[in-house]
Amino acid sequence: MTDPETEFFSTLIELQYGQKVDQKLVELSKKVSWAKGWPENNQSFWNAEAFMWQHKIEKEKRQLIKDELNFLTGNKNLDLGCGTYSYLPSVGFDFSEKMLQFNENCLKKVSGDLEQKLPFAAEEFGSVTAVFVLNYVKNYTPLFSEIRRVLKEKGTFVMVLSINEINPWQRQKEINSFSSKKWSVLLEEQGFSVNCYQKENLWFFVARK
């Protein structure tokens, strides 16, 4: 007999391919400790997404992002909402235990909530990254302030967002979707010097303290 966790995984794959298995997953989630409350519970939702994440971003797009972030190599980097993949060796910060579990590029893994004060010392990091994260953060202004606090003097924060709409399944958790100009203004209001540029339907915001 298949155990509930294995059945939950296999049913997630069916969901990925457009099968109408939502209610089945809801029932299965009740028997899996880290998935209880799926999909309404945010932590359970992203725990489940961890198993499919590597299939949702094309290899070429991952390489592009990695190349664009390469200039940060050598810094002590904090990767916010790191998910299952960090583009450079980092202190990984995420509230999904499963995302952290699968991330093999973390020098250290810290569980926490981006809606709260960051559990790090002032000027602890030379750089901070947030890739495909800010669309899901409600309290983005306090977060920008916190990022500036934990950055060293002249440190760099790089934020990456998709220009296109995110896929419908993850869009149910999206909280905001601003223009590049508005994001730049929000960062500047927190004291950052911002350079925003576009590459292959991605926005890169390079914000210097």
Protein backbone atom coordinates (compact mmCIF):
# COMPACT_ATOMS: atom_id res chain seq x y z
CA MET A 1 0.00 0.00 0.00
CA THR A 2 1.36 3.44 -0.97
CA ASP A 3 2.12 5.72 1.97
CA PRO A 4 0.34 9.13 2.06
CA GLU A 5 3.51 11.16 1.39
CA THR A 6 4.42 9.18 -1.73
CA GLU A 7 0.84 9.39 -2.97
CA PHE A 8 0.82 13.13 -2.31
CA PHE A 9 4.00 13.51 -4.44
CA SER A 10 2.60 11.49 -7.34
CA THR A 11 -0.69 13.41 -7.24
CA LEU A 12 1.21 16.72 -7.30
CA ILE A 13 2.76 15.60 -10.57
CA GLU A 14 -0.73 14.90 -11.94
CA LEU A 15 -1.73 18.43 -10.89
CA GLN A 16 1.30 19.81 -12.74
CA TYR A 17 -0.02 18.19 -15.92
CA GLY A 18 -3.46 19.73 -15.56
CA GLN A 19 -5.34 16.88 -13.91
CA LYS A 20 -8.27 17.83 -11.67
CA VAL A 21 -6.87 16.33 -8.48
CA ASP A 22 -7.13 19.33 -6.11
CA GLN A 23 -9.64 17.72 -3.76
CA LYS A 24 -7.66 14.48 -3.65
CA LEU A 25 -4.58 16.47 -2.64
CA VAL A 26 -6.53 18.29 0.07
CA GLU A 27 -7.54 14.94 1.58
CA LEU A 28 -4.02 13.50 1.28
CA SER A 29 -2.47 16.61 2.83
CA LYS A 30 -4.31 15.87 6.08
CA LYS A 31 -2.14 12.76 6.47
CA VAL A 32 1.21 14.47 5.69
CA SER A 33 2.66 16.56 8.53
CA TRP A 34 4.39 19.22 6.39
CA ALA A 35 1.44 19.54 3.97
CA LYS A 36 -1.46 20.02 6.38
CA GLY A 37 -3.74 22.86 5.33
CA TRP A 38 -2.65 22.71 1.67
CA PRO A 39 -3.16 24.81 -0.41
CA GLU A 40 -4.61 27.60 1.77
CA ASN A 41 -1.78 27.40 4.31
CA ASN A 42 1.15 29.28 2.76
CA GLN A 43 3.85 27.19 4.37
CA SER A 44 2.22 23.94 3.27
CA PHE A 45 1.70 25.34 -0.24
CA TRP A 46 5.39 26.19 -0.67
CA ASN A 47 6.52 22.96 0.96
CA ALA A 48 4.60 21.13 -1.76
CA GLU A 49 5.96 23.43 -4.48
CA ALA A 50 9.51 22.47 -3.45
CA PHE A 51 9.10 19.10 -5.16
CA MET A 52 8.18 20.70 -8.49
CA TRP A 53 10.28 23.87 -8.38
CA GLN A 54 13.21 22.56 -10.40
CA HIS A 55 10.85 21.82 -13.28
CA LYS A 56 9.23 25.28 -13.30
CA ILE A 57 12.21 27.43 -14.27
CA GLU A 58 13.92 26.66 -17.56
CA LYS A 59 17.59 25.66 -17.44
CA GLU A 60 18.51 28.54 -19.77
CA LYS A 61 16.79 31.08 -17.52
CA ARG A 62 18.58 29.70 -14.46
CA GLN A 63 21.90 30.09 -16.26
CA LEU A 64 21.08 33.67 -17.25
CA ILE A 65 20.29 34.61 -13.65
CA LYS A 66 23.41 32.86 -12.40
CA ASP A 67 25.54 34.79 -14.91
CA GLU A 68 23.97 38.11 -13.94
CA LEU A 69 24.58 37.46 -10.22
CA ASN A 70 28.14 36.28 -10.74
CA PHE A 71 29.56 39.72 -9.86
CA LEU A 72 28.47 39.12 -6.25
CA THR A 73 30.74 36.08 -5.89
CA GLY A 74 33.09 36.47 -2.95
CA ASN A 75 30.61 38.32 -0.78
CA LYS A 76 28.88 36.79 2.20
CA ASN A 77 25.48 36.60 0.52
CA LEU A 78 22.03 36.31 2.06
CA ASP A 79 19.51 34.68 -0.30
CA LEU A 80 16.00 35.68 0.77
CA GLY A 81 13.19 33.27 -0.11
CA CYS A 82 15.95 31.03 -1.44
CA GLY A 83 13.64 28.15 -2.32
CA THR A 84 15.27 24.98 -3.59
CA TYR A 85 18.03 26.75 -5.51
CA SER A 86 20.48 29.55 -4.74
CA TYR A 87 22.40 31.05 -7.64
CA LEU A 88 25.55 31.50 -5.59
CA PRO A 89 26.77 30.09 -2.26
CA SER A 90 24.61 31.81 0.34
CA VAL A 91 23.03 31.88 3.73
CA GLY A 92 19.61 30.63 2.64
CA PHE A 93 16.49 32.10 4.27
CA ASP A 94 13.05 30.62 3.63
CA PHE A 95 9.97 29.66 5.62
CA SER A 96 9.45 26.41 3.74
CA GLU A 97 11.31 23.55 5.42
CA LYS A 98 11.14 21.49 2.23
CA MET A 99 12.55 24.29 0.08
CA LEU A 100 15.51 24.59 2.44
CA GLN A 101 15.95 20.83 2.56
CA PHE A 102 16.42 20.61 -1.21
CA ASN A 103 18.68 23.66 -1.56
CA GLU A 104 22.23 22.35 -1.99
CA ASN A 105 23.91 25.73 -2.49
CA CYS A 106 23.35 27.04 1.03
CA LEU A 107 26.31 27.47 3.34
CA LYS A 108 23.77 27.83 6.14
CA LYS A 109 19.99 27.37 6.20
CA VAL A 110 17.78 29.65 8.27
CA SER A 111 14.02 29.22 8.57
CA GLY A 112 11.99 32.40 8.95
CA ASP A 113 9.31 34.75 7.68
CA LEU A 114 10.03 37.66 5.31
CA GLU A 115 7.08 39.51 6.83
CA GLN A 116 9.04 39.79 10.09
CA LYS A 117 12.31 41.41 11.14
CA LEU A 118 15.27 39.50 9.73
CA PRO A 119 17.17 37.48 12.37
CA PHE A 120 20.60 38.80 11.37
CA ALA A 121 23.02 41.38 12.71
CA ALA A 122 23.44 44.86 11.22
CA GLU A 123 25.95 44.99 8.35
CA GLU A 124 26.39 41.20 8.41
CA PHE A 125 26.28 40.67 4.63
CA GLY A 126 28.15 42.03 1.64
CA SER A 127 25.19 41.26 -0.61
CA VAL A 128 21.56 40.15 -0.50
CA THR A 129 19.59 38.46 -3.28
CA ALA A 130 15.86 37.86 -3.77
CA VAL A 131 14.90 35.95 -6.93
CA PHE A 132 11.18 35.66 -7.84
CA VAL A 133 10.22 36.51 -4.25
CA LEU A 134 8.91 40.06 -3.81
CA ASN A 135 5.60 39.34 -5.58
CA TYR A 136 4.69 37.26 -2.52
CA VAL A 137 5.69 39.73 0.21
CA LYS A 138 3.02 41.95 1.76
CA ASN A 139 5.29 44.10 3.96
CA TYR A 140 7.84 44.91 1.27
CA THR A 141 8.73 48.37 2.62
CA PRO A 142 9.83 47.09 6.06
CA LEU A 143 11.66 44.26 4.28
CA PHE A 144 13.64 46.73 2.15
CA SER A 145 14.54 48.59 5.34
CA GLU A 146 15.67 45.33 6.94
CA ILE A 147 17.75 44.45 3.88
CA ARG A 148 19.51 47.80 4.10
CA ARG A 149 20.16 47.21 7.81
CA VAL A 150 21.86 43.83 7.31
CA LEU A 151 23.96 45.04 4.37
CA LYS A 152 27.48 46.29 4.88
CA GLU A 153 28.26 49.86 3.84
CA LYS A 154 28.28 49.97 0.02
CA GLY A 155 26.73 46.48 -0.03
CA THR A 156 24.45 45.38 -2.88
CA PHE A 157 20.91 44.05 -2.98
CA VAL A 158 19.84 42.35 -6.22
CA MET A 159 16.16 41.67 -6.82
CA VAL A 160 15.01 39.60 -9.82
CA LEU A 161 11.41 39.53 -11.02
CA SER A 162 9.60 38.21 -14.07
CA ILE A 163 8.19 40.79 -16.46
CA ASN A 164 5.52 38.34 -17.61
CA GLU A 165 2.70 37.18 -15.39
CA ILE A 166 3.65 34.25 -13.18
CA ASN A 167 1.86 30.97 -13.85
CA PRO A 168 -1.79 30.74 -12.78
CA TRP A 169 -1.17 28.14 -10.07
CA GLN A 170 1.38 30.26 -8.17
CA ARG A 171 -0.51 33.47 -8.94
CA GLN A 172 -3.04 32.46 -6.28
CA LYS A 173 -0.34 33.40 -3.72
CA GLU A 174 0.76 36.59 -5.47
CA ILE A 175 0.24 39.72 -3.36
CA ASN A 176 1.59 42.47 -5.61
CA SER A 177 2.66 43.04 -9.21
CA PHE A 178 4.21 46.47 -9.76
CA SER A 179 5.94 48.16 -12.66
CA SER A 180 9.74 48.33 -12.71
CA LYS A 181 9.49 52.08 -12.11
CA LYS A 182 7.44 51.63 -8.96
CA TRP A 183 9.80 48.97 -7.60
CA SER A 184 12.73 51.30 -8.25
CA VAL A 185 11.00 54.17 -6.44
CA LEU A 186 10.18 51.94 -3.46
CA LEU A 187 13.84 50.95 -3.18
CA GLU A 188 15.04 54.53 -3.57
CA GLU A 189 12.68 55.63 -0.80
CA GLN A 190 14.59 53.30 1.52
CA GLY A 191 17.90 54.95 0.63
CA PHE A 192 19.15 52.64 -2.13
CA SER A 193 20.79 53.78 -5.35
CA VAL A 194 19.03 51.70 -8.00
CA ASN A 195 19.90 50.49 -11.47
CA CYS A 196 17.16 48.49 -13.17
CA TYR A 197 17.68 46.67 -16.45
CA GLN A 198 15.85 44.08 -18.51
CA LYS A 199 17.07 40.79 -19.97
CA GLU A 200 14.94 38.11 -21.61
CA ASN A 201 11.68 39.02 -19.87
CA LEU A 202 13.34 39.48 -16.50
CA TRP A 203 13.89 42.62 -14.46
CA PHE A 204 17.14 42.94 -12.56
CA PHE A 205 17.22 45.58 -9.85
CA VAL A 206 20.76 46.30 -8.59
CA ALA A 207 20.33 48.40 -5.43
CA ARG A 208 23.42 49.71 -3.66
CA LYS A 209 23.48 50.91 -0.07
